[in-house]
Amino acid sequence: MKKPATPGFVPEAMSAPPALSQPFRSGALSMRKPTRFDLTPDAATRKAAAVELGLISVPALRFKGEIRPAPNRDFVLEAHLTAIVEQPCGVTLAPVRAEIRETVRRRYVSDWVEPQGDEAEMPEDDTAEAMPEVIDAGLVALEALVLSLPLYPRAAGAELGEIVATPPGAAPLRDEDLRPFASLAALKDKMGGGTEGGTEG
């Protein structure tokens, strides 16, 4: 499910509060009816999100959905993400606009058991994860946006090429090697780190 994030994303920026946040305490969510949300950040918030994600701009962003109760005291977050983003071209750094439309689903499992062993099998439901103390719909939106970004944005007329970098004593590193999961990991860290504070919004 996961894919490398935009190369412009600086993980250190994630040490600050997230640009977009709407936390819900999982223990306070209704077990009878869905808890709905509709995030439409203003221009200042979208600008902060662009900086956080290493984008040129985020002209439009909306994340609308619900967190609904599921069997075994689990919860399912399902939402629709729509966004317009501008990324730097990988060759010329010129702005490249992309429209994103994604259905996002996360299942939060109350009795989650971490897979054991070095060769643990991948779960059949790759949307499932451990129930956090706080479910932050804003951070889920940012994570989904990162995962949806075009990996190799190219401006019209830009020539394709490949960067090869060779540190001393190491094998050559190519473009794909230089696209780490750091941005997604940073978002995940922040989602975990936010479980001490957040209040329902």
Protein backbone atom coordinates (compact mmCIF):
# COMPACT_ATOMS: atom_id res chain seq x y z
CA MET A 1 0.00 0.00 0.00
CA LYS A 2 2.80 2.38 0.87
CA LYS A 3 4.90 4.14 -1.74
CA PRO A 4 7.82 6.56 -1.51
CA ALA A 5 6.96 10.17 -0.80
CA THR A 6 7.89 13.39 -2.49
CA PRO A 7 11.66 13.98 -2.31
CA GLY A 8 11.16 17.56 -1.12
CA PHE A 9 9.60 16.54 2.18
CA VAL A 10 11.88 17.41 5.10
CA PRO A 11 11.17 15.03 8.03
CA GLU A 12 12.61 17.51 10.54
CA ALA A 13 9.68 19.80 9.84
CA MET A 14 7.39 17.22 11.40
CA SER A 15 8.78 17.94 14.88
CA ALA A 16 6.47 20.98 14.93
CA PRO A 17 2.69 20.62 15.32
CA PRO A 18 1.12 19.28 12.11
CA ALA A 19 -0.25 21.76 9.61
CA LEU A 20 -3.61 19.97 9.56
CA SER A 21 -5.08 18.32 12.64
CA GLN A 22 -8.50 17.23 13.86
CA PRO A 23 -8.03 14.79 16.72
CA PHE A 24 -10.69 12.48 18.15
CA ARG A 25 -10.11 10.49 21.32
CA SER A 26 -10.92 6.90 20.41
CA GLY A 27 -12.32 6.27 23.91
CA ALA A 28 -14.83 9.10 23.45
CA LEU A 29 -16.09 8.08 20.00
CA SER A 30 -19.68 6.90 19.77
CA MET A 31 -20.20 3.14 19.51
CA ARG A 32 -23.74 3.75 18.18
CA LYS A 33 -23.35 6.16 15.27
CA PRO A 34 -20.67 7.58 12.96
CA THR A 35 -18.62 10.61 13.92
CA ARG A 36 -18.44 12.79 10.82
CA PHE A 37 -15.82 15.34 9.83
CA ASP A 38 -15.24 17.71 6.91
CA LEU A 39 -11.79 19.29 6.75
CA THR A 40 -11.48 22.23 4.35
CA PRO A 41 -8.35 24.07 5.50
CA ASP A 42 -7.96 27.78 4.77
CA ALA A 43 -5.19 29.29 2.67
CA ALA A 44 -2.79 29.70 5.60
CA THR A 45 -3.21 26.06 6.63
CA ARG A 46 -2.77 24.84 3.06
CA LYS A 47 0.40 26.91 2.79
CA ALA A 48 1.72 25.34 6.00
CA ALA A 49 0.82 21.88 4.67
CA ALA A 50 2.73 22.60 1.45
CA VAL A 51 5.83 23.52 3.46
CA GLU A 52 5.43 20.44 5.63
CA LEU A 53 5.13 18.13 2.63
CA GLY A 54 7.79 19.76 0.47
CA LEU A 55 5.30 21.01 -2.12
CA ILE A 56 5.24 24.33 -3.94
CA SER A 57 1.60 24.93 -3.05
CA VAL A 58 -1.68 23.25 -2.19
CA PRO A 59 -4.35 25.36 -3.96
CA ALA A 60 -7.20 23.11 -2.80
CA LEU A 61 -7.69 20.43 -0.16
CA ARG A 62 -10.71 18.71 1.32
CA PHE A 63 -11.01 15.59 3.46
CA LYS A 64 -14.59 14.56 4.18
CA GLY A 65 -15.71 11.38 5.85
CA GLU A 66 -16.56 9.61 9.07
CA ILE A 67 -15.24 7.39 11.83
CA ARG A 68 -17.80 4.66 12.40
CA PRO A 69 -18.00 1.88 14.98
CA ALA A 70 -17.22 -1.67 13.87
CA PRO A 71 -17.48 -5.10 15.56
CA ASN A 72 -15.18 -5.91 18.50
CA ARG A 73 -15.04 -2.24 19.52
CA ASP A 74 -13.00 -1.41 16.44
CA PHE A 75 -13.44 1.74 14.38
CA VAL A 76 -13.27 2.39 10.63
CA LEU A 77 -12.29 5.74 9.18
CA GLU A 78 -13.49 6.24 5.63
CA ALA A 79 -13.17 9.52 3.79
CA HIS A 80 -12.78 11.08 0.38
CA LEU A 81 -9.67 13.14 -0.28
CA THR A 82 -9.67 15.76 -3.02
CA ALA A 83 -6.74 18.07 -3.58
CA ILE A 84 -4.86 20.17 -6.09
CA VAL A 85 -1.12 20.31 -5.52
CA GLU A 86 1.90 21.82 -7.21
CA GLN A 87 5.16 19.87 -7.05
CA PRO A 88 8.57 20.84 -8.40
CA CYS A 89 9.47 19.11 -11.66
CA GLY A 90 12.12 16.47 -11.01
CA VAL A 91 14.20 17.85 -13.90
CA THR A 92 13.60 21.62 -14.13
CA LEU A 93 12.00 22.39 -10.72
CA ALA A 94 9.17 24.15 -12.58
CA PRO A 95 5.74 23.82 -10.92
CA VAL A 96 3.79 20.71 -11.94
CA ARG A 97 0.11 20.66 -11.01
CA ALA A 98 -1.73 17.47 -10.12
CA GLU A 99 -5.32 16.75 -9.12
CA ILE A 100 -5.83 14.06 -6.50
CA ARG A 101 -9.03 12.13 -5.76
CA GLU A 102 -8.72 9.22 -3.38
CA THR A 103 -10.97 7.16 -1.15
CA VAL A 104 -9.17 6.62 2.14
CA ARG A 105 -9.92 3.78 4.54
CA ARG A 106 -8.32 2.92 7.87
CA ARG A 107 -9.42 0.22 10.30
CA TYR A 108 -8.39 0.70 13.92
CA VAL A 109 -8.28 -2.62 15.78
CA SER A 110 -8.78 -2.62 19.56
CA ASP A 111 -7.17 -6.03 20.17
CA TRP A 112 -4.31 -5.53 17.69
CA VAL A 113 -1.41 -7.97 18.00
CA GLU A 114 1.89 -7.04 16.39
CA PRO A 115 3.22 -9.67 13.95
CA GLN A 116 6.11 -11.66 15.43
CA GLY A 117 9.29 -12.79 13.73
CA ASP A 118 11.44 -11.47 10.93
CA GLU A 119 9.27 -13.02 8.22
CA ALA A 120 5.81 -12.20 9.54
CA GLU A 121 3.15 -12.52 6.85
CA MET A 122 1.48 -9.36 5.61
CA PRO A 123 -2.09 -9.05 6.96
CA GLU A 124 -4.91 -9.58 4.48
CA ASP A 125 -6.37 -6.19 5.42
CA ASP A 126 -3.55 -3.73 4.81
CA THR A 127 -5.72 -0.84 6.06
CA ALA A 128 -5.74 -2.26 9.61
CA GLU A 129 -3.59 -0.90 12.41
CA ALA A 130 -3.54 -0.75 16.20
CA MET A 131 -6.14 1.43 17.88
CA PRO A 132 -4.45 4.71 18.93
CA GLU A 133 -5.53 6.78 21.88
CA VAL A 134 -6.20 9.61 19.45
CA ILE A 135 -7.35 9.29 15.84
CA ASP A 136 -6.28 12.45 14.04
CA ALA A 137 -8.25 12.89 10.83
CA GLY A 138 -5.95 15.72 9.77
CA LEU A 139 -2.85 13.56 9.96
CA VAL A 140 -4.63 10.77 8.09
CA ALA A 141 -5.38 13.34 5.37
CA LEU A 142 -1.73 14.38 5.16
CA GLU A 143 -0.59 10.76 5.06
CA ALA A 144 -3.09 9.95 2.31
CA LEU A 145 -1.97 13.02 0.37
CA VAL A 146 1.69 11.96 0.58
CA LEU A 147 0.82 8.47 -0.66
CA SER A 148 -1.17 9.89 -3.57
CA LEU A 149 1.46 12.30 -4.90
CA PRO A 150 2.94 11.55 -8.33
CA LEU A 151 6.35 10.00 -7.78
CA TYR A 152 8.07 11.54 -10.79
CA PRO A 153 6.49 14.93 -11.61
CA ARG A 154 7.68 16.23 -14.97
CA ALA A 155 6.97 19.63 -16.52
CA ALA A 156 5.97 19.75 -20.18
CA GLY A 157 9.06 19.41 -22.35
CA ALA A 158 11.35 18.34 -19.51
CA GLU A 159 13.81 15.69 -20.62
CA LEU A 160 13.80 12.47 -18.66
CA GLY A 161 17.04 11.57 -16.99
CA GLU A 162 18.42 9.62 -14.10
CA ILE A 163 20.63 10.86 -11.31
CA VAL A 164 23.35 8.48 -10.21
CA ALA A 165 25.18 9.26 -6.97
CA THR A 166 28.04 7.22 -5.61
CA PRO A 167 29.18 7.80 -2.02
CA PRO A 168 32.75 6.70 -1.29
CA GLY A 169 32.97 2.91 -1.05
CA ALA A 170 29.31 2.39 -1.86
CA ALA A 171 27.37 1.10 -4.83
CA PRO A 172 25.77 3.75 -7.07
CA LEU A 173 22.50 5.16 -5.83
CA ARG A 174 19.87 5.89 -8.44
CA ASP A 175 16.69 8.00 -8.42
CA GLU A 176 14.54 5.29 -6.90
CA ASP A 177 17.08 4.72 -4.13
CA LEU A 178 16.90 8.42 -3.24
CA ARG A 179 13.17 8.35 -2.54
CA PRO A 180 12.90 7.18 1.07
CA PHE A 181 9.82 6.49 3.15
CA ALA A 182 10.99 9.21 5.54
CA SER A 183 7.95 11.43 5.00
CA LEU A 184 5.48 8.66 5.69
CA ALA A 185 7.51 7.48 8.68
CA ALA A 186 7.54 11.03 10.06
CA LEU A 187 3.76 11.26 9.70
CA LYS A 188 3.37 7.91 11.43
CA ASP A 189 5.65 9.06 14.24
CA LYS A 190 3.58 12.19 14.68
CA MET A 191 0.36 10.18 14.71
CA GLY A 192 1.83 8.03 17.46
CA GLY A 193 3.29 11.01 19.28
CA GLY A 194 -0.03 12.78 19.30
CA THR A 195 -1.73 10.24 21.52
CA GLU A 196 -0.80 12.04 24.70
CA GLY A 197 -2.49 15.32 23.91
CA GLY A 198 -5.29 15.82 21.36
CA THR A 199 -8.88 16.51 22.20
CA GLU A 200 -11.94 15.82 20.15
CA GLY A 201 -12.56 18.49 17.56
